[in-house]
Amino acid sequence: DRDVTGVQTCALPISTYMAGIFTGSLLLGAVSDKILGRRRTSLLCFVIIIVFGFATSFAPSYWVFVLCRFVIAIGVAGSNQNCFTILMEYSDTRCRAVLGIITQVAFALFYMLLPLYAYLIRDWPTLQFAFAISSLSLIVYYWILPESSRWLAQNGREEEALDILEGIARCNRRPPPSRAELKSILDESCEPVPEVPAGVITAPLLSSPWMGFKRSEERR
């Protein structure tokens, strides 16, 4: 479009994409908690990413392209948020830090491939189409992504939650615990988290030797 400057051409899609990330993070967390659950919200986000990924490659104008990127960002934020939550809810506390890092490896690897895509494909609609084709791999999550057992239990679907936990034990080649034991674990996980007093989390971080700050009490 002639009314778009060179600076806008680069800056606007980036800022609009980040606005979509903000919007998706703000809305889809609440939607998963109150309405759809983790699995269905994630699958909805995957559909958004795929559909609008292809729409981006056929965008008839710059502004349609920017709009499609905004909607894609909403889907990216919602899928990252909910898939990460599912992973943390099913992970042992000793493994969560490592698993959280591993989830970002695929993200980093794909970003490392972007220059190769751009080097081999010089036409931007074709480049966007290649990205959209790559996103079709998200379809596999329909078969492998479980619903959060914690969310199911909190929404009166305890039997479904127990079935999923038994299925996970079988997948790990472990004898499933008794239903009573699983129910006890599930009830414990659904207990409300106590409120943390203000400053309890941030104070130790800021007083660490790496941050170089000391609490006022220590200075006295």
N, C-alpha and C. Protein backbone atom coordinates (compact mmCIF):
# COMPACT_ATOMS: atom_id res chain seq x y z
N ASP A 1 0.84 -1.19 0.00
CA ASP A 1 0.00 0.00 0.00
C ASP A 1 0.87 1.25 0.00
N ARG A 2 0.46 2.25 -0.79
CA ARG A 2 1.27 3.46 -0.92
C ARG A 2 1.26 4.33 0.31
N ASP A 3 0.22 4.19 1.17
CA ASP A 3 0.14 5.04 2.34
C ASP A 3 0.90 4.47 3.53
N VAL A 4 1.66 3.41 3.33
CA VAL A 4 2.44 2.79 4.40
C VAL A 4 3.91 3.08 4.17
N THR A 5 4.57 3.68 5.15
CA THR A 5 5.99 3.99 5.02
C THR A 5 6.84 2.76 5.30
N GLY A 6 8.14 2.86 5.00
CA GLY A 6 9.04 1.74 5.23
C GLY A 6 9.13 1.37 6.70
N VAL A 7 9.13 2.40 7.58
CA VAL A 7 9.20 2.14 9.02
C VAL A 7 7.95 1.39 9.47
N GLN A 8 6.78 1.82 9.01
CA GLN A 8 5.54 1.15 9.37
C GLN A 8 5.53 -0.30 8.88
N THR A 9 6.07 -0.52 7.70
CA THR A 9 6.08 -1.85 7.13
C THR A 9 6.76 -2.84 8.05
N CYS A 10 7.84 -2.43 8.72
CA CYS A 10 8.58 -3.31 9.62
C CYS A 10 8.02 -3.27 11.04
N ALA A 11 7.71 -2.08 11.53
CA ALA A 11 7.39 -1.91 12.94
C ALA A 11 5.95 -2.30 13.28
N LEU A 12 5.01 -1.96 12.41
CA LEU A 12 3.61 -2.18 12.74
C LEU A 12 3.25 -3.66 12.92
N PRO A 13 3.67 -4.57 12.04
CA PRO A 13 3.36 -5.99 12.28
C PRO A 13 3.94 -6.52 13.59
N ILE A 14 5.13 -6.03 13.97
CA ILE A 14 5.76 -6.49 15.21
C ILE A 14 4.98 -6.01 16.41
N SER A 15 4.67 -4.70 16.44
CA SER A 15 3.92 -4.16 17.58
C SER A 15 2.52 -4.73 17.65
N THR A 16 1.89 -4.94 16.49
CA THR A 16 0.56 -5.53 16.47
C THR A 16 0.60 -6.98 16.95
N TYR A 17 1.64 -7.71 16.57
CA TYR A 17 1.80 -9.09 17.02
C TYR A 17 1.93 -9.14 18.55
N MET A 18 2.73 -8.26 19.12
CA MET A 18 2.88 -8.23 20.57
C MET A 18 1.59 -7.83 21.26
N ALA A 19 0.81 -6.95 20.61
CA ALA A 19 -0.51 -6.62 21.15
C ALA A 19 -1.41 -7.85 21.16
N GLY A 20 -1.29 -8.69 20.13
CA GLY A 20 -2.05 -9.93 20.10
C GLY A 20 -1.61 -10.89 21.20
N ILE A 21 -0.31 -10.95 21.47
CA ILE A 21 0.19 -11.78 22.57
C ILE A 21 -0.41 -11.32 23.89
N PHE A 22 -0.43 -10.01 24.09
CA PHE A 22 -1.01 -9.45 25.32
C PHE A 22 -2.50 -9.79 25.42
N THR A 23 -3.22 -9.62 24.32
CA THR A 23 -4.65 -9.88 24.31
C THR A 23 -4.95 -11.36 24.58
N GLY A 24 -4.22 -12.24 23.90
CA GLY A 24 -4.43 -13.67 24.10
C GLY A 24 -4.12 -14.12 25.52
N SER A 25 -3.03 -13.59 26.08
CA SER A 25 -2.67 -13.93 27.45
C SER A 25 -3.73 -13.46 28.44
N LEU A 26 -4.30 -12.31 28.15
CA LEU A 26 -5.29 -11.72 29.05
C LEU A 26 -6.62 -12.47 29.00
N LEU A 27 -7.04 -12.87 27.81
CA LEU A 27 -8.38 -13.45 27.63
C LEU A 27 -8.43 -14.97 27.74
N LEU A 28 -7.48 -15.64 27.11
CA LEU A 28 -7.62 -17.09 26.95
C LEU A 28 -7.28 -17.86 28.22
N GLY A 29 -6.53 -17.26 29.13
CA GLY A 29 -6.33 -17.91 30.43
C GLY A 29 -7.65 -18.00 31.18
N ALA A 30 -8.41 -16.91 31.18
CA ALA A 30 -9.72 -16.92 31.84
C ALA A 30 -10.70 -17.84 31.14
N VAL A 31 -10.65 -17.88 29.80
CA VAL A 31 -11.54 -18.77 29.05
C VAL A 31 -11.26 -20.22 29.40
N SER A 32 -9.99 -20.60 29.51
CA SER A 32 -9.64 -21.99 29.84
C SER A 32 -10.05 -22.33 31.27
N ASP A 33 -9.91 -21.38 32.18
CA ASP A 33 -10.26 -21.63 33.58
C ASP A 33 -11.77 -21.76 33.78
N LYS A 34 -12.52 -20.88 33.15
CA LYS A 34 -13.95 -20.77 33.46
C LYS A 34 -14.87 -21.50 32.48
N ILE A 35 -14.42 -21.72 31.24
CA ILE A 35 -15.36 -22.20 30.22
C ILE A 35 -14.89 -23.48 29.54
N LEU A 36 -13.79 -23.43 28.82
CA LEU A 36 -13.44 -24.51 27.90
C LEU A 36 -12.50 -25.56 28.48
N GLY A 37 -11.68 -25.19 29.45
CA GLY A 37 -10.65 -26.10 29.93
C GLY A 37 -9.37 -25.92 29.14
N ARG A 38 -8.31 -26.56 29.62
CA ARG A 38 -7.00 -26.38 29.00
C ARG A 38 -6.93 -26.98 27.60
N ARG A 39 -7.42 -28.21 27.45
CA ARG A 39 -7.29 -28.92 26.17
C ARG A 39 -8.07 -28.22 25.06
N ARG A 40 -9.34 -27.94 25.31
CA ARG A 40 -10.16 -27.35 24.24
C ARG A 40 -9.69 -25.94 23.88
N THR A 41 -9.24 -25.19 24.88
CA THR A 41 -8.71 -23.86 24.58
C THR A 41 -7.45 -23.97 23.73
N SER A 42 -6.57 -24.93 24.07
CA SER A 42 -5.35 -25.11 23.28
C SER A 42 -5.68 -25.52 21.85
N LEU A 43 -6.63 -26.45 21.67
CA LEU A 43 -7.00 -26.89 20.32
C LEU A 43 -7.61 -25.74 19.53
N LEU A 44 -8.42 -24.91 20.19
CA LEU A 44 -8.98 -23.73 19.52
C LEU A 44 -7.86 -22.80 19.07
N CYS A 45 -6.86 -22.62 19.91
CA CYS A 45 -5.73 -21.76 19.54
C CYS A 45 -4.96 -22.34 18.36
N PHE A 46 -4.80 -23.65 18.31
CA PHE A 46 -4.10 -24.27 17.19
C PHE A 46 -4.87 -24.04 15.88
N VAL A 47 -6.19 -24.14 15.95
CA VAL A 47 -7.01 -23.88 14.76
C VAL A 47 -6.82 -22.43 14.31
N ILE A 48 -6.80 -21.50 15.24
CA ILE A 48 -6.59 -20.09 14.92
C ILE A 48 -5.25 -19.90 14.22
N ILE A 49 -4.20 -20.52 14.77
CA ILE A 49 -2.86 -20.37 14.20
C ILE A 49 -2.81 -20.91 12.78
N ILE A 50 -3.41 -22.08 12.56
CA ILE A 50 -3.36 -22.71 11.24
C ILE A 50 -4.19 -21.92 10.23
N VAL A 51 -5.43 -21.62 10.59
CA VAL A 51 -6.34 -20.94 9.65
C VAL A 51 -5.80 -19.56 9.27
N PHE A 52 -5.43 -18.78 10.27
CA PHE A 52 -4.96 -17.42 9.96
C PHE A 52 -3.54 -17.43 9.43
N GLY A 53 -2.80 -18.52 9.65
CA GLY A 53 -1.50 -18.65 9.00
C GLY A 53 -1.65 -18.75 7.49
N PHE A 54 -2.61 -19.56 7.05
CA PHE A 54 -2.87 -19.65 5.62
C PHE A 54 -3.49 -18.36 5.10
N ALA A 55 -4.36 -17.73 5.91
CA ALA A 55 -4.97 -16.47 5.48
C ALA A 55 -3.91 -15.39 5.28
N THR A 56 -2.86 -15.41 6.09
CA THR A 56 -1.78 -14.44 5.95
C THR A 56 -1.10 -14.56 4.60
N SER A 57 -0.90 -15.78 4.13
CA SER A 57 -0.21 -15.97 2.85
C SER A 57 -1.04 -15.50 1.66
N PHE A 58 -2.37 -15.40 1.86
CA PHE A 58 -3.25 -14.93 0.78
C PHE A 58 -3.79 -13.52 1.05
N ALA A 59 -3.18 -12.82 2.00
CA ALA A 59 -3.67 -11.48 2.35
C ALA A 59 -3.63 -10.55 1.14
N PRO A 60 -4.76 -9.91 0.80
CA PRO A 60 -4.79 -9.05 -0.38
C PRO A 60 -4.16 -7.68 -0.17
N SER A 61 -3.91 -7.31 1.09
CA SER A 61 -3.32 -6.00 1.36
C SER A 61 -2.46 -6.07 2.62
N TYR A 62 -1.70 -5.03 2.82
CA TYR A 62 -0.82 -4.95 3.99
C TYR A 62 -1.63 -4.98 5.28
N TRP A 63 -2.76 -4.27 5.31
CA TRP A 63 -3.54 -4.17 6.54
C TRP A 63 -4.20 -5.49 6.89
N VAL A 64 -4.61 -6.25 5.91
CA VAL A 64 -5.15 -7.59 6.18
C VAL A 64 -4.05 -8.49 6.74
N PHE A 65 -2.85 -8.34 6.20
CA PHE A 65 -1.70 -9.09 6.71
C PHE A 65 -1.46 -8.77 8.19
N VAL A 66 -1.49 -7.49 8.54
CA VAL A 66 -1.27 -7.08 9.93
C VAL A 66 -2.37 -7.65 10.83
N LEU A 67 -3.61 -7.60 10.37
CA LEU A 67 -4.73 -8.13 11.16
C LEU A 67 -4.58 -9.64 11.39
N CYS A 68 -4.19 -10.35 10.36
CA CYS A 68 -3.99 -11.80 10.49
C CYS A 68 -2.88 -12.11 11.48
N ARG A 69 -1.82 -11.34 11.44
CA ARG A 69 -0.74 -11.55 12.39
C ARG A 69 -1.19 -11.29 13.83
N PHE A 70 -2.05 -10.31 14.02
CA PHE A 70 -2.61 -10.02 15.34
C PHE A 70 -3.39 -11.22 15.87
N VAL A 71 -4.24 -11.81 15.02
CA VAL A 71 -5.06 -12.95 15.44
C VAL A 71 -4.17 -14.17 15.69
N ILE A 72 -3.16 -14.38 14.86
CA ILE A 72 -2.22 -15.49 15.08
C ILE A 72 -1.57 -15.35 16.45
N ALA A 73 -1.18 -14.15 16.81
CA ALA A 73 -0.52 -13.92 18.10
C ALA A 73 -1.45 -14.27 19.26
N ILE A 74 -2.73 -14.01 19.11
CA ILE A 74 -3.69 -14.40 20.15
C ILE A 74 -3.67 -15.92 20.33
N GLY A 75 -3.67 -16.64 19.20
CA GLY A 75 -3.61 -18.10 19.28
C GLY A 75 -2.31 -18.60 19.87
N VAL A 76 -1.20 -17.97 19.51
CA VAL A 76 0.10 -18.38 20.04
C VAL A 76 0.15 -18.20 21.56
N ALA A 77 -0.34 -17.05 22.03
CA ALA A 77 -0.33 -16.79 23.47
C ALA A 77 -1.19 -17.79 24.22
N GLY A 78 -2.39 -18.05 23.70
CA GLY A 78 -3.28 -18.98 24.38
C GLY A 78 -2.76 -20.40 24.39
N SER A 79 -2.18 -20.85 23.28
CA SER A 79 -1.66 -22.22 23.23
C SER A 79 -0.44 -22.38 24.14
N ASN A 80 0.47 -21.41 24.12
CA ASN A 80 1.64 -21.49 24.99
C ASN A 80 1.23 -21.51 26.46
N GLN A 81 0.30 -20.66 26.80
CA GLN A 81 -0.14 -20.53 28.18
C GLN A 81 -0.77 -21.83 28.69
N ASN A 82 -1.66 -22.39 27.91
CA ASN A 82 -2.41 -23.56 28.37
C ASN A 82 -1.60 -24.85 28.28
N CYS A 83 -0.81 -25.00 27.23
CA CYS A 83 0.04 -26.20 27.14
C CYS A 83 1.08 -26.21 28.25
N PHE A 84 1.63 -25.05 28.57
CA PHE A 84 2.60 -24.97 29.66
C PHE A 84 1.93 -25.31 30.99
N THR A 85 0.70 -24.85 31.19
CA THR A 85 -0.02 -25.15 32.42
C THR A 85 -0.28 -26.65 32.55
N ILE A 86 -0.71 -27.28 31.45
CA ILE A 86 -0.94 -28.73 31.48
C ILE A 86 0.35 -29.46 31.83
N LEU A 87 1.45 -29.06 31.22
CA LEU A 87 2.74 -29.70 31.50
C LEU A 87 3.11 -29.57 32.97
N MET A 88 2.96 -28.39 33.53
CA MET A 88 3.31 -28.18 34.93
C MET A 88 2.39 -28.96 35.86
N GLU A 89 1.11 -29.07 35.52
CA GLU A 89 0.17 -29.78 36.39
C GLU A 89 0.43 -31.28 36.41
N TYR A 90 0.98 -31.82 35.33
CA TYR A 90 1.25 -33.25 35.27
C TYR A 90 2.69 -33.60 35.63
N SER A 91 3.53 -32.62 35.92
CA SER A 91 4.95 -32.87 36.15
C SER A 91 5.26 -32.95 37.64
N ASP A 92 6.25 -33.76 37.95
CA ASP A 92 6.79 -33.79 39.31
C ASP A 92 7.48 -32.45 39.58
N THR A 93 7.37 -31.97 40.80
CA THR A 93 7.95 -30.67 41.13
C THR A 93 9.46 -30.64 40.90
N ARG A 94 10.12 -31.81 41.01
CA ARG A 94 11.57 -31.85 40.80
C ARG A 94 11.96 -31.68 39.34
N CYS A 95 11.00 -31.90 38.43
CA CYS A 95 11.31 -31.86 36.99
C CYS A 95 10.78 -30.62 36.30
N ARG A 96 10.03 -29.80 37.00
CA ARG A 96 9.32 -28.72 36.32
C ARG A 96 10.26 -27.70 35.69
N ALA A 97 11.34 -27.37 36.36
CA ALA A 97 12.27 -26.37 35.80
C ALA A 97 12.88 -26.88 34.49
N VAL A 98 13.32 -28.14 34.49
CA VAL A 98 13.93 -28.71 33.29
C VAL A 98 12.92 -28.82 32.16
N LEU A 99 11.71 -29.30 32.48
CA LEU A 99 10.68 -29.45 31.46
C LEU A 99 10.25 -28.09 30.91
N GLY A 100 10.21 -27.09 31.77
CA GLY A 100 9.89 -25.75 31.29
C GLY A 100 10.90 -25.23 30.29
N ILE A 101 12.17 -25.56 30.53
CA ILE A 101 13.22 -25.16 29.58
C ILE A 101 13.10 -25.94 28.28
N ILE A 102 12.81 -27.25 28.39
CA ILE A 102 12.70 -28.09 27.19
C ILE A 102 11.58 -27.61 26.28
N THR A 103 10.49 -27.13 26.87
CA THR A 103 9.38 -26.66 26.03
C THR A 103 9.79 -25.49 25.14
N GLN A 104 10.79 -24.74 25.58
CA GLN A 104 11.24 -23.59 24.79
C GLN A 104 12.28 -23.96 23.74
N VAL A 105 12.80 -25.20 23.80
CA VAL A 105 13.82 -25.62 22.85
C VAL A 105 13.26 -25.64 21.43
N ALA A 106 12.07 -26.26 21.28
CA ALA A 106 11.45 -26.32 19.95
C ALA A 106 11.17 -24.92 19.42
N PHE A 107 10.72 -24.04 20.30
CA PHE A 107 10.48 -22.64 19.93
C PHE A 107 11.76 -22.00 19.40
N ALA A 108 12.86 -22.21 20.12
CA ALA A 108 14.14 -21.62 19.72
C ALA A 108 14.66 -22.24 18.42
N LEU A 109 14.50 -23.55 18.28
CA LEU A 109 14.98 -24.22 17.08
C LEU A 109 14.25 -23.72 15.83
N PHE A 110 12.93 -23.55 15.94
CA PHE A 110 12.18 -23.09 14.78
C PHE A 110 12.58 -21.66 14.41
N TYR A 111 12.82 -20.83 15.43
CA TYR A 111 13.27 -19.47 15.13
C TYR A 111 14.64 -19.48 14.45
N MET A 112 15.48 -20.45 14.79
CA MET A 112 16.77 -20.57 14.13
C MET A 112 16.62 -20.99 12.68
N LEU A 113 15.49 -21.66 12.35
CA LEU A 113 15.25 -22.08 10.98
C LEU A 113 14.68 -20.96 10.10
N LEU A 114 14.16 -19.91 10.73
CA LEU A 114 13.53 -18.84 9.95
C LEU A 114 14.47 -18.23 8.90
N PRO A 115 15.74 -17.95 9.23
CA PRO A 115 16.63 -17.41 8.18
C PRO A 115 16.78 -18.37 7.00
N LEU A 116 16.79 -19.67 7.29
CA LEU A 116 16.91 -20.64 6.20
C LEU A 116 15.66 -20.61 5.31
N TYR A 117 14.48 -20.54 5.92
CA TYR A 117 13.24 -20.38 5.15
C TYR A 117 13.34 -19.15 4.25
N ALA A 118 13.73 -18.03 4.87
CA ALA A 118 13.77 -16.76 4.13
C ALA A 118 14.83 -16.77 3.04
N TYR A 119 15.93 -17.49 3.26
CA TYR A 119 16.99 -17.58 2.25
C TYR A 119 16.53 -18.39 1.04
N LEU A 120 15.79 -19.46 1.31
CA LEU A 120 15.36 -20.34 0.22
C LEU A 120 14.11 -19.84 -0.49
N ILE A 121 13.27 -19.08 0.24
CA ILE A 121 12.01 -18.61 -0.33
C ILE A 121 12.02 -17.09 -0.28
N ARG A 122 12.17 -16.44 -1.40
CA ARG A 122 12.32 -14.98 -1.44
C ARG A 122 10.99 -14.26 -1.63
N ASP A 123 9.95 -14.97 -2.01
CA ASP A 123 8.63 -14.35 -2.22
C ASP A 123 7.85 -14.44 -0.91
N TRP A 124 7.42 -13.29 -0.36
CA TRP A 124 6.86 -13.32 0.99
C TRP A 124 5.53 -14.08 1.09
N PRO A 125 4.60 -14.05 0.12
CA PRO A 125 3.40 -14.88 0.26
C PRO A 125 3.74 -16.37 0.31
N THR A 126 4.70 -16.78 -0.51
CA THR A 126 5.12 -18.18 -0.49
C THR A 126 5.81 -18.51 0.83
N LEU A 127 6.56 -17.57 1.36
CA LEU A 127 7.22 -17.77 2.65
C LEU A 127 6.19 -17.95 3.76
N GLN A 128 5.15 -17.11 3.76
CA GLN A 128 4.09 -17.25 4.76
C GLN A 128 3.35 -18.57 4.59
N PHE A 129 3.18 -18.99 3.34
CA PHE A 129 2.52 -20.27 3.08
C PHE A 129 3.36 -21.43 3.63
N ALA A 130 4.67 -21.33 3.50
CA ALA A 130 5.55 -22.36 4.06
C ALA A 130 5.44 -22.42 5.58
N PHE A 131 5.35 -21.25 6.21
CA PHE A 131 5.15 -21.23 7.66
C PHE A 131 3.82 -21.90 8.02
N ALA A 132 2.78 -21.61 7.25
CA ALA A 132 1.47 -22.18 7.52
C ALA A 132 1.49 -23.70 7.36
N ILE A 133 2.19 -24.18 6.34
CA ILE A 133 2.31 -25.63 6.15
C ILE A 133 2.99 -26.27 7.37
N SER A 134 4.02 -25.60 7.88
CA SER A 134 4.71 -26.12 9.07
C SER A 134 3.79 -26.20 10.27
N SER A 135 2.85 -25.25 10.37
CA SER A 135 1.95 -25.24 11.53
C SER A 135 0.95 -26.39 11.52
N LEU A 136 0.82 -27.08 10.39
CA LEU A 136 -0.09 -28.23 10.34
C LEU A 136 0.33 -29.35 11.28
N SER A 137 1.60 -29.34 11.69
CA SER A 137 2.05 -30.36 12.65
C SER A 137 1.33 -30.25 13.99
N LEU A 138 0.71 -29.09 14.25
CA LEU A 138 -0.03 -28.91 15.50
C LEU A 138 -1.25 -29.81 15.58
N ILE A 139 -1.71 -30.33 14.44
CA ILE A 139 -2.90 -31.18 14.43
C ILE A 139 -2.70 -32.42 15.30
N VAL A 140 -1.46 -32.88 15.42
CA VAL A 140 -1.19 -34.11 16.18
C VAL A 140 -1.59 -33.94 17.65
N TYR A 141 -1.66 -32.70 18.15
CA TYR A 141 -2.04 -32.49 19.54
C TYR A 141 -3.47 -32.94 19.82
N TYR A 142 -4.30 -33.04 18.81
CA TYR A 142 -5.67 -33.51 19.01
C TYR A 142 -5.68 -34.90 19.63
N TRP A 143 -4.69 -35.72 19.29
CA TRP A 143 -4.63 -37.10 19.77
C TRP A 143 -3.75 -37.28 21.00
N ILE A 144 -2.83 -36.38 21.25
CA ILE A 144 -1.88 -36.62 22.34
C ILE A 144 -2.04 -35.67 23.53
N LEU A 145 -2.79 -34.59 23.39
CA LEU A 145 -2.90 -33.61 24.47
C LEU A 145 -4.05 -33.98 25.40
N PRO A 146 -3.76 -34.30 26.65
CA PRO A 146 -4.85 -34.63 27.59
C PRO A 146 -5.44 -33.37 28.21
N GLU A 147 -6.62 -33.51 28.74
CA GLU A 147 -7.19 -32.43 29.53
C GLU A 147 -6.54 -32.43 30.90
N SER A 148 -6.54 -31.28 31.53
CA SER A 148 -5.99 -31.17 32.88
C SER A 148 -6.88 -31.91 33.87
N SER A 149 -6.32 -32.90 34.56
CA SER A 149 -7.10 -33.64 35.56
C SER A 149 -7.54 -32.71 36.69
N ARG A 150 -6.71 -31.78 37.01
CA ARG A 150 -7.05 -30.82 38.07
C ARG A 150 -8.26 -29.98 37.66
N TRP A 151 -8.26 -29.52 36.41
CA TRP A 151 -9.40 -28.73 35.94
C TRP A 151 -10.66 -29.56 35.91
N LEU A 152 -10.56 -30.81 35.45
CA LEU A 152 -11.73 -31.68 35.42
C LEU A 152 -12.29 -31.90 36.81
N ALA A 153 -11.42 -32.17 37.77
CA ALA A 153 -11.89 -32.40 39.14
C ALA A 153 -12.55 -31.17 39.73
N GLN A 154 -11.99 -30.01 39.45
CA GLN A 154 -12.56 -28.77 39.98
C GLN A 154 -13.88 -28.41 39.32
N ASN A 155 -14.19 -29.04 38.19
CA ASN A 155 -15.44 -28.75 37.48
C ASN A 155 -16.40 -29.94 37.51
N GLY A 156 -16.28 -30.78 38.54
CA GLY A 156 -17.23 -31.86 38.75
C GLY A 156 -17.10 -33.04 37.81
N ARG A 157 -15.95 -33.23 37.19
CA ARG A 157 -15.74 -34.35 36.26
C ARG A 157 -14.59 -35.23 36.77
N GLU A 158 -14.77 -35.66 38.00
CA GLU A 158 -13.71 -36.39 38.69
C GLU A 158 -13.41 -37.73 38.04
N GLU A 159 -14.43 -38.45 37.57
CA GLU A 159 -14.21 -39.76 36.96
C GLU A 159 -13.35 -39.65 35.70
N GLU A 160 -13.59 -38.63 34.90
CA GLU A 160 -12.76 -38.40 33.72
C GLU A 160 -11.31 -38.11 34.12
N ALA A 161 -11.15 -37.34 35.20
CA ALA A 161 -9.81 -37.02 35.66
C ALA A 161 -9.07 -38.27 36.11
N LEU A 162 -9.76 -39.15 36.83
CA LEU A 162 -9.13 -40.39 37.30
C LEU A 162 -8.79 -41.31 36.13
N ASP A 163 -9.66 -41.35 35.12
CA ASP A 163 -9.37 -42.16 33.93
C ASP A 163 -8.10 -41.68 33.23
N ILE A 164 -7.93 -40.36 33.13
CA ILE A 164 -6.73 -39.81 32.49
C ILE A 164 -5.49 -40.17 33.28
N LEU A 165 -5.55 -40.06 34.61
CA LEU A 165 -4.40 -40.39 35.44
C LEU A 165 -4.03 -41.86 35.32
N GLU A 166 -5.03 -42.73 35.25
CA GLU A 166 -4.75 -44.15 35.05
C GLU A 166 -4.11 -44.40 33.69
N GLY A 167 -4.59 -43.69 32.67
CA GLY A 167 -4.02 -43.82 31.34
C GLY A 167 -2.57 -43.37 31.29
N ILE A 168 -2.25 -42.30 32.03
CA ILE A 168 -0.87 -41.81 32.09
C ILE A 168 0.03 -42.85 32.76
N ALA A 169 -0.47 -43.48 33.82
CA ALA A 169 0.32 -44.52 34.50
C ALA A 169 0.61 -45.68 33.55
N ARG A 170 -0.41 -46.09 32.78
CA ARG A 170 -0.20 -47.18 31.82
C ARG A 170 0.77 -46.78 30.72
N CYS A 171 0.68 -45.54 30.27
CA CYS A 171 1.60 -45.04 29.24
C CYS A 171 3.04 -45.04 29.74
N ASN A 172 3.22 -44.78 31.04
CA ASN A 172 4.55 -44.80 31.65
C ASN A 172 4.97 -46.21 32.08
N ARG A 173 4.14 -47.19 31.74
CA ARG A 173 4.42 -48.59 32.07
C ARG A 173 4.54 -48.80 33.57
N ARG A 174 3.64 -48.14 34.27
CA ARG A 174 3.56 -48.26 35.72
C ARG A 174 2.21 -48.85 36.09
N PRO A 175 2.15 -49.67 37.12
CA PRO A 175 0.83 -50.16 37.57
C PRO A 175 0.02 -49.00 38.12
N PRO A 176 -1.19 -48.79 37.62
CA PRO A 176 -2.00 -47.65 38.11
C PRO A 176 -2.31 -47.79 39.59
N PRO A 177 -2.17 -46.72 40.37
CA PRO A 177 -2.59 -46.77 41.77
C PRO A 177 -4.09 -47.03 41.88
N SER A 178 -4.53 -47.34 43.05
CA SER A 178 -5.97 -47.56 43.25
C SER A 178 -6.72 -46.26 43.04
N ARG A 179 -8.01 -46.39 42.74
CA ARG A 179 -8.82 -45.18 42.52
C ARG A 179 -8.85 -44.32 43.78
N ALA A 180 -8.85 -44.97 44.94
CA ALA A 180 -8.89 -44.21 46.20
C ALA A 180 -7.62 -43.39 46.36
N GLU A 181 -6.46 -43.99 46.01
CA GLU A 181 -5.19 -43.27 46.12
C GLU A 181 -5.12 -42.12 45.12
N LEU A 182 -5.58 -42.39 43.88
CA LEU A 182 -5.60 -41.32 42.87
C LEU A 182 -6.53 -40.19 43.30
N LYS A 183 -7.68 -40.56 43.89
CA LYS A 183 -8.62 -39.53 44.32
C LYS A 183 -8.01 -38.67 45.43
N SER A 184 -7.24 -39.31 46.32
CA SER A 184 -6.59 -38.56 47.38
C SER A 184 -5.57 -37.57 46.82
N ILE A 185 -4.79 -38.03 45.82
CA ILE A 185 -3.81 -37.15 45.19
C ILE A 185 -4.51 -36.00 44.46
N LEU A 186 -5.62 -36.33 43.79
CA LEU A 186 -6.36 -35.32 43.04
C LEU A 186 -6.97 -34.29 43.97
N ASP A 187 -7.53 -34.75 45.08
CA ASP A 187 -8.13 -33.82 46.04
C ASP A 187 -7.07 -32.89 46.63
N GLU A 188 -5.88 -33.44 46.85
CA GLU A 188 -4.80 -32.61 47.40
C GLU A 188 -4.36 -31.54 46.41
N SER A 189 -4.33 -31.92 45.12
CA SER A 189 -3.90 -30.96 44.10
C SER A 189 -4.93 -29.86 43.89
N CYS A 190 -6.18 -30.12 44.27
CA CYS A 190 -7.24 -29.13 44.06
C CYS A 190 -7.43 -28.20 45.25
N GLU A 191 -6.66 -28.41 46.31
CA GLU A 191 -6.77 -27.52 47.46
C GLU A 191 -6.31 -26.12 47.07
N PRO A 192 -6.99 -25.09 47.56
CA PRO A 192 -6.60 -23.72 47.20
C PRO A 192 -5.20 -23.41 47.69
N VAL A 193 -4.46 -22.66 46.88
CA VAL A 193 -3.11 -22.25 47.23
C VAL A 193 -3.19 -21.09 48.21
N PRO A 194 -2.50 -21.18 49.36
CA PRO A 194 -2.55 -20.07 50.33
C PRO A 194 -1.94 -18.80 49.75
N GLU A 195 -2.49 -17.67 50.16
CA GLU A 195 -1.98 -16.40 49.68
C GLU A 195 -0.59 -16.14 50.25
N VAL A 196 0.27 -15.59 49.41
CA VAL A 196 1.65 -15.29 49.82
C VAL A 196 1.72 -13.82 50.22
N PRO A 197 2.22 -13.53 51.41
CA PRO A 197 2.33 -12.12 51.82
C PRO A 197 3.20 -11.33 50.87
N ALA A 198 2.89 -10.06 50.73
CA ALA A 198 3.65 -9.20 49.83
C ALA A 198 5.12 -9.15 50.25
N GLY A 199 6.00 -9.26 49.26
CA GLY A 199 7.43 -9.16 49.52
C GLY A 199 8.12 -10.47 49.77
N VAL A 200 7.36 -11.56 50.02
CA VAL A 200 7.99 -12.84 50.33
C VAL A 200 8.74 -13.39 49.13
N ILE A 201 8.17 -13.22 47.93
CA ILE A 201 8.82 -13.75 46.73
C ILE A 201 9.94 -12.83 46.26
N THR A 202 9.67 -11.54 46.21
CA THR A 202 10.63 -10.62 45.61
C THR A 202 11.81 -10.33 46.52
N ALA A 203 11.59 -10.31 47.84
CA ALA A 203 12.67 -9.93 48.74
C ALA A 203 13.88 -10.86 48.67
N PRO A 204 13.70 -12.21 48.73
CA PRO A 204 14.87 -13.08 48.61
C PRO A 204 15.59 -12.93 47.28
N LEU A 205 14.83 -12.68 46.21
CA LEU A 205 15.46 -12.51 44.91
C LEU A 205 16.35 -11.28 44.89
N LEU A 206 15.83 -10.17 45.39
CA LEU A 206 16.57 -8.92 45.35
C LEU A 206 17.75 -8.93 46.32
N SER A 207 17.66 -9.76 47.38
CA SER A 207 18.75 -9.79 48.34
C SER A 207 19.81 -10.84 48.00
N SER A 208 19.65 -11.54 46.88
CA SER A 208 20.62 -12.54 46.48
C SER A 208 21.92 -11.86 46.06
N PRO A 209 23.06 -12.57 46.16
CA PRO A 209 24.34 -11.94 45.78
C PRO A 209 24.40 -11.57 44.31
N TRP A 210 23.59 -12.22 43.46
CA TRP A 210 23.63 -11.91 42.03
C TRP A 210 22.95 -10.58 41.71
N MET A 211 21.95 -10.22 42.54
CA MET A 211 21.22 -8.98 42.28
C MET A 211 21.93 -7.77 42.89
N GLY A 212 22.68 -8.00 43.97
CA GLY A 212 23.46 -6.91 44.55
C GLY A 212 22.66 -5.98 45.43
N PHE A 213 21.42 -6.39 45.82
CA PHE A 213 20.61 -5.56 46.70
C PHE A 213 20.52 -6.21 48.07
N LYS A 214 20.31 -5.40 49.08
CA LYS A 214 20.09 -5.90 50.43
C LYS A 214 18.81 -5.30 50.97
N ARG A 215 18.13 -6.11 51.78
CA ARG A 215 16.92 -5.60 52.40
C ARG A 215 17.27 -4.54 53.43
N SER A 216 16.30 -3.67 53.68
CA SER A 216 16.55 -2.55 54.58
C SER A 216 16.90 -3.04 55.98
N GLU A 217 16.29 -4.19 56.41
CA GLU A 217 16.57 -4.71 57.73
C GLU A 217 18.04 -5.10 57.87
N GLU A 218 18.62 -5.67 56.78
CA GLU A 218 20.00 -6.10 56.81
C GLU A 218 20.94 -4.90 56.84
N ARG A 219 20.55 -3.80 56.18
CA ARG A 219 21.40 -2.61 56.17
C ARG A 219 21.51 -1.98 57.56
N ARG A 220 20.41 -2.14 58.32
CA ARG A 220 20.45 -1.58 59.65
C ARG A 220 21.38 -2.40 60.58
